[in-house]
């Protein structure tokens, strides 16, 4: 006969452990609203304030070098329609010139990526155009095309041409060989390979070039307005006339408008890039 030792039931603590308690969920800010976090905007605000104080400190003792920020603000607030109109003139020239340069450079990028002989013929000419001072070309363009918008559009297009050509041609040729071999085994034509493989592969390179040339198109339009005589409107013309009349507040007000235009264009193309390339590893890493 075996004796069994009675088991004492384990004592159950009615108080649950802290780890078993339901945790209160904290409201997480979505990634698209990350700009409301102080860590996002506070450094920029601090830097802008410091630069503004340094500007006023220099302008106090050197009024012929920098105007006070208050004078620049008064110039903007005194006639906002004047600056908006001239900003629109410069922006329209910049976007039209960018469109012309984009179409020409993209077509040539496809051509030189598909035909090595075209690459050997086009690239040296493109390099020569890139290193040529376009300010020196503008007067000759005025002689050839007159005082209309054509010289400004050509100068802007030439400034935007080379970055798009280089980046897109590099992207079209950056397809991994394993992918090319898979499509070759499927008997894909050259057009199908270009449309379904090479052009999607070149999208990150394309947006990289667009982030460069969108603000650069504003610079090109201003350079064309400054270098091409006969321009009557545009922020470049405003800067030229105001500087000749020693009106520094107007000059820096126009420069401030140009900075805003370039920043807005860069923000727009960056937002479009994040939308289009949401599948790309660079955008996935940025979200994480």
Protein backbone atom coordinates (compact mmCIF):
# COMPACT_ATOMS: atom_id res chain seq x y z
CA UNK A 1 0.00 0.00 0.00
CA UNK A 2 1.48 3.28 -1.11
CA UNK A 3 0.92 6.51 0.68
CA UNK A 4 0.17 9.60 -1.35
CA UNK A 5 1.13 13.01 -0.11
CA UNK A 6 -1.69 15.46 -0.51
CA UNK A 7 -0.82 18.36 -2.79
CA UNK A 8 -1.50 21.87 -1.65
CA UNK A 9 -3.01 23.98 -4.38
CA UNK A 10 -0.87 26.93 -5.42
CA UNK A 11 -1.95 30.23 -4.05
CA UNK A 12 -3.38 32.43 -6.70
CA UNK A 13 -2.53 36.07 -6.30
CA UNK A 14 -5.64 38.03 -7.19
CA UNK A 15 -3.48 41.00 -8.11
CA UNK A 16 -2.26 40.62 -11.71
CA UNK A 17 1.37 41.30 -12.53
CA UNK A 18 2.31 44.64 -13.99
CA UNK A 19 3.32 42.98 -17.26
CA UNK A 20 -0.15 41.40 -17.57
CA UNK A 21 -1.96 44.70 -17.26
CA UNK A 22 -3.23 46.14 -20.54
CA UNK A 23 -0.93 48.88 -21.63
CA UNK A 24 -2.28 52.24 -22.58
CA UNK A 25 -1.65 52.90 -26.23
CA UNK A 26 0.10 56.14 -27.05
CA UNK A 27 -1.05 58.05 -30.06
CA UNK A 28 1.61 57.80 -32.74
CA UNK A 29 2.03 60.59 -35.21
CA UNK A 30 1.81 59.32 -38.81
CA UNK A 31 4.93 59.71 -40.93
CA UNK A 32 3.25 62.20 -43.25
CA UNK A 33 2.62 64.52 -40.27
CA UNK A 34 6.14 64.24 -38.87
CA UNK A 35 6.70 67.93 -39.58
CA UNK A 36 4.60 68.82 -36.50
CA UNK A 37 7.23 67.31 -34.20
CA UNK A 38 9.52 69.93 -32.61
CA UNK A 39 12.55 67.83 -33.52
CA UNK A 40 11.61 68.35 -37.18
CA UNK A 41 11.05 72.12 -37.36
CA UNK A 42 12.83 73.50 -34.30
CA UNK A 43 16.41 73.28 -35.68
CA UNK A 44 15.36 75.12 -38.83
CA UNK A 45 13.60 77.84 -36.85
CA UNK A 46 16.61 78.31 -34.58
CA UNK A 47 18.97 78.54 -37.56
CA UNK A 48 16.72 81.05 -39.35
CA UNK A 49 16.51 83.22 -36.23
CA UNK A 50 20.29 83.15 -35.78
CA UNK A 51 20.85 84.05 -39.44
CA UNK A 52 18.31 86.87 -39.18
CA UNK A 53 20.03 88.32 -36.12
CA UNK A 54 23.41 88.08 -37.83
CA UNK A 55 21.95 89.75 -40.95
CA UNK A 56 20.60 92.71 -38.95
CA UNK A 57 23.86 93.01 -37.02
CA UNK A 58 25.84 93.32 -40.27
CA UNK A 59 23.22 95.58 -41.90
CA UNK A 60 23.31 97.98 -38.93
CA UNK A 61 26.93 98.98 -39.61
CA UNK A 62 26.98 98.29 -43.38
CA UNK A 63 23.74 99.64 -44.89
CA UNK A 64 25.27 99.73 -48.37
CA UNK A 65 26.12 96.03 -48.16
CA UNK A 66 22.92 94.57 -46.69
CA UNK A 67 19.58 96.27 -46.11
CA UNK A 68 17.77 95.61 -42.81
CA UNK A 69 15.28 92.79 -42.92
CA UNK A 70 12.55 95.23 -41.99
CA UNK A 71 13.25 97.21 -45.18
CA UNK A 72 13.10 94.03 -47.27
CA UNK A 73 9.79 93.13 -45.64
CA UNK A 74 8.43 96.60 -46.33
CA UNK A 75 9.41 96.28 -50.00
CA UNK A 76 7.54 92.98 -50.25
CA UNK A 77 4.49 94.15 -48.32
CA UNK A 78 4.34 97.51 -50.09
CA UNK A 79 3.72 96.05 -53.55
CA UNK A 80 3.08 92.28 -53.41
CA UNK A 81 1.31 92.20 -56.77
CA UNK A 82 4.45 93.51 -58.47
CA UNK A 83 6.56 90.65 -57.13
CA UNK A 84 3.89 88.02 -57.78
CA UNK A 85 3.55 89.09 -61.40
CA UNK A 86 7.28 89.06 -62.05
CA UNK A 87 7.67 85.77 -60.16
CA UNK A 88 5.04 84.22 -62.42
CA UNK A 89 6.89 85.47 -65.52
CA UNK A 90 10.16 83.92 -64.29
CA UNK A 91 8.42 80.70 -63.23
CA UNK A 92 6.71 80.28 -66.60
CA UNK A 93 10.02 80.70 -68.44
CA UNK A 94 11.68 78.25 -66.05
CA UNK A 95 9.02 75.55 -66.44
CA UNK A 96 8.79 75.89 -70.21
CA UNK A 97 12.56 75.76 -70.59
CA UNK A 98 12.69 72.78 -68.24
CA UNK A 99 10.06 70.97 -70.30
CA UNK A 100 12.02 71.54 -73.51
CA UNK A 101 15.27 70.40 -71.92
CA UNK A 102 13.58 67.38 -70.35
CA UNK A 103 12.07 66.09 -73.59
CA UNK A 104 15.28 66.59 -75.57
CA UNK A 105 17.56 65.04 -72.93
CA UNK A 106 15.26 62.07 -72.24
CA UNK A 107 14.97 61.16 -75.91
CA UNK A 108 18.73 61.44 -76.38
CA UNK A 109 19.32 59.41 -73.19
CA UNK A 110 17.24 56.55 -74.61
CA UNK A 111 19.09 56.82 -77.91
CA UNK A 112 22.58 56.68 -76.40
CA UNK A 113 21.60 53.85 -74.04
CA UNK A 114 20.40 51.71 -76.94
CA UNK A 115 23.00 52.63 -79.57
CA UNK A 116 26.68 52.76 -78.52
CA UNK A 117 27.57 54.66 -81.69
CA UNK A 118 25.07 57.37 -80.75
CA UNK A 119 26.66 57.59 -77.31
CA UNK A 120 30.11 58.13 -78.82
CA UNK A 121 28.70 60.87 -81.07
CA UNK A 122 26.41 62.73 -78.63
CA UNK A 123 28.25 62.67 -75.31
CA UNK A 124 31.26 64.80 -76.40
CA UNK A 125 28.93 67.48 -77.77
CA UNK A 126 26.85 67.38 -74.57
CA UNK A 127 29.98 67.80 -72.44
CA UNK A 128 31.08 70.80 -74.52
CA UNK A 129 27.65 72.42 -74.07
CA UNK A 130 27.79 71.77 -70.35
CA UNK A 131 31.16 73.47 -69.84
CA UNK A 132 30.36 76.43 -72.11
CA UNK A 133 29.39 79.60 -70.19
CA UNK A 134 25.77 80.12 -71.19
CA UNK A 135 25.94 83.78 -70.21
CA UNK A 136 28.21 84.28 -73.19
CA UNK A 137 25.75 82.51 -75.49
CA UNK A 138 22.72 84.60 -74.50
CA UNK A 139 23.62 87.75 -76.54
CA UNK A 140 24.21 85.60 -79.61
CA UNK A 141 20.81 83.96 -79.09
CA UNK A 142 19.21 87.40 -78.93
CA UNK A 143 20.82 88.27 -82.27
CA UNK A 144 19.55 85.00 -83.77
CA UNK A 145 16.03 84.87 -82.30
CA UNK A 146 15.23 88.48 -81.35
CA UNK A 147 14.00 89.91 -78.05
CA UNK A 148 11.18 87.42 -77.52
CA UNK A 149 11.07 84.53 -75.04
CA UNK A 150 13.04 82.17 -77.30
CA UNK A 151 16.55 83.10 -76.02
CA UNK A 152 15.47 82.71 -72.38
CA UNK A 153 13.84 79.34 -73.09
CA UNK A 154 16.92 78.06 -74.89
CA UNK A 155 19.28 79.14 -72.09
CA UNK A 156 17.04 77.52 -69.45
CA UNK A 157 16.73 74.33 -71.48
CA UNK A 158 20.50 74.10 -71.95
CA UNK A 159 21.11 74.52 -68.21
CA UNK A 160 18.67 71.68 -67.44
CA UNK A 161 19.81 69.45 -70.30
CA UNK A 162 23.03 67.83 -69.07
CA UNK A 163 21.97 66.61 -65.57
CA UNK A 164 18.91 64.83 -66.99
CA UNK A 165 20.90 63.31 -69.86
CA UNK A 166 23.61 61.88 -67.60
CA UNK A 167 21.31 60.54 -64.90
CA UNK A 168 18.70 59.01 -67.20
CA UNK A 169 21.28 57.36 -69.48
CA UNK A 170 23.00 55.90 -66.40
CA UNK A 171 19.68 54.62 -65.05
CA UNK A 172 18.71 53.01 -68.34
CA UNK A 173 21.98 51.07 -68.35
CA UNK A 174 21.86 50.09 -64.66
CA UNK A 175 19.59 47.05 -65.04
CA UNK A 176 21.15 43.92 -63.44
CA UNK A 177 22.31 41.34 -65.95
CA UNK A 178 20.25 38.64 -64.24
CA UNK A 179 17.08 40.58 -65.03
CA UNK A 180 18.18 41.11 -68.62
CA UNK A 181 18.85 37.39 -69.01
CA UNK A 182 15.41 36.47 -67.65
CA UNK A 183 13.68 38.74 -70.16
CA UNK A 184 15.93 37.42 -72.92
CA UNK A 185 14.83 33.87 -72.18
CA UNK A 186 11.23 35.10 -72.48
CA UNK A 187 12.09 36.45 -75.96
CA UNK A 188 11.24 40.03 -74.99
CA UNK A 189 11.77 42.57 -77.74
CA UNK A 190 13.97 45.63 -77.35
CA UNK A 191 10.90 47.85 -77.01
CA UNK A 192 9.44 45.59 -74.30
CA UNK A 193 12.78 45.52 -72.50
CA UNK A 194 12.94 49.32 -72.63
CA UNK A 195 9.36 49.88 -71.46
CA UNK A 196 9.08 47.20 -68.78
CA UNK A 197 12.65 47.00 -67.46
CA UNK A 198 14.97 49.87 -68.35
CA UNK A 199 12.59 52.80 -67.89
CA UNK A 200 11.31 51.67 -64.44
CA UNK A 201 14.92 51.03 -63.43
CA UNK A 202 15.82 54.59 -64.45
CA UNK A 203 13.07 56.24 -62.37
CA UNK A 204 15.23 56.81 -59.25
CA UNK A 205 17.95 58.36 -61.43
CA UNK A 206 15.33 60.49 -63.20
CA UNK A 207 13.96 61.91 -59.96
CA UNK A 208 17.50 62.57 -58.75
CA UNK A 209 18.10 64.71 -61.82
CA UNK A 210 14.72 66.44 -61.45
CA UNK A 211 15.54 67.41 -57.87
CA UNK A 212 18.60 69.12 -59.32
CA UNK A 213 17.09 70.78 -62.38
CA UNK A 214 13.80 72.03 -60.91
CA UNK A 215 15.54 74.66 -58.72
CA UNK A 216 18.22 75.00 -61.42
CA UNK A 217 15.57 76.02 -63.94
CA UNK A 218 14.83 79.11 -61.82
CA UNK A 219 18.53 79.99 -61.92
CA UNK A 220 18.55 79.46 -65.68
CA UNK A 221 15.56 81.76 -66.19
CA UNK A 222 17.14 84.50 -64.06
CA UNK A 223 20.48 84.16 -65.84
CA UNK A 224 18.69 84.46 -69.17
CA UNK A 225 16.80 87.55 -68.01
CA UNK A 226 20.02 89.15 -66.76
CA UNK A 227 22.11 88.25 -69.80
CA UNK A 228 19.57 88.64 -72.59
CA UNK A 229 18.87 92.33 -73.20
CA UNK A 230 15.39 93.47 -73.99
CA UNK A 231 13.65 91.66 -71.13
CA UNK A 232 10.92 93.83 -69.63
CA UNK A 233 9.55 91.52 -66.93
CA UNK A 234 10.75 88.83 -64.58
CA UNK A 235 12.58 88.79 -61.27
CA UNK A 236 15.94 88.84 -63.05
CA UNK A 237 14.97 92.08 -64.72
CA UNK A 238 13.76 93.46 -61.39
CA UNK A 239 17.13 92.66 -59.82
CA UNK A 240 19.03 94.24 -62.71
CA UNK A 241 17.03 97.48 -62.71
CA UNK A 242 16.91 97.80 -58.90
CA UNK A 243 20.65 97.20 -58.51
CA UNK A 244 21.44 99.85 -61.11
CA UNK A 245 19.29 102.28 -59.12
CA UNK A 246 20.90 101.24 -55.79
CA UNK A 247 17.62 99.93 -54.36
CA UNK A 248 18.95 97.11 -52.21
CA UNK A 249 15.65 96.29 -50.43
CA UNK A 250 14.01 95.62 -53.81
CA UNK A 251 16.97 93.50 -54.92
CA UNK A 252 16.84 91.29 -51.84
CA UNK A 253 13.04 91.12 -51.95
CA UNK A 254 13.31 89.68 -55.48
CA UNK A 255 16.04 87.28 -54.31
CA UNK A 256 13.76 86.17 -51.47
CA UNK A 257 11.00 85.44 -54.01
CA UNK A 258 13.43 83.38 -56.09
CA UNK A 259 14.43 81.38 -53.00
CA UNK A 260 10.76 80.68 -52.26
CA UNK A 261 10.14 79.56 -55.86
CA UNK A 262 13.09 77.19 -55.83
CA UNK A 263 12.11 75.74 -52.44
CA UNK A 264 8.51 75.17 -53.54
CA UNK A 265 9.58 73.43 -56.74
CA UNK A 266 11.98 71.21 -54.81
CA UNK A 267 9.27 70.33 -52.28
CA UNK A 268 6.81 69.44 -55.06
CA UNK A 269 9.20 67.13 -56.91
CA UNK A 270 10.26 65.50 -53.62
CA UNK A 271 6.61 64.78 -52.77
CA UNK A 272 5.99 63.34 -56.24
CA UNK A 273 9.12 61.19 -55.91
CA UNK A 274 7.92 59.73 -52.60
CA UNK A 275 4.55 58.97 -54.16
CA UNK A 276 5.86 57.37 -57.33
CA UNK A 277 8.83 55.52 -55.81
CA UNK A 278 7.08 54.22 -52.69
CA UNK A 279 8.22 50.72 -53.72
CA UNK A 280 11.90 51.64 -54.00
CA UNK A 281 14.31 50.64 -51.24
CA UNK A 282 15.44 54.24 -50.69
CA UNK A 283 11.88 55.35 -49.90
CA UNK A 284 11.25 52.27 -47.71
CA UNK A 285 14.39 53.02 -45.71
CA UNK A 286 13.37 56.66 -45.31
CA UNK A 287 9.94 55.65 -43.97
CA UNK A 288 11.49 53.25 -41.48
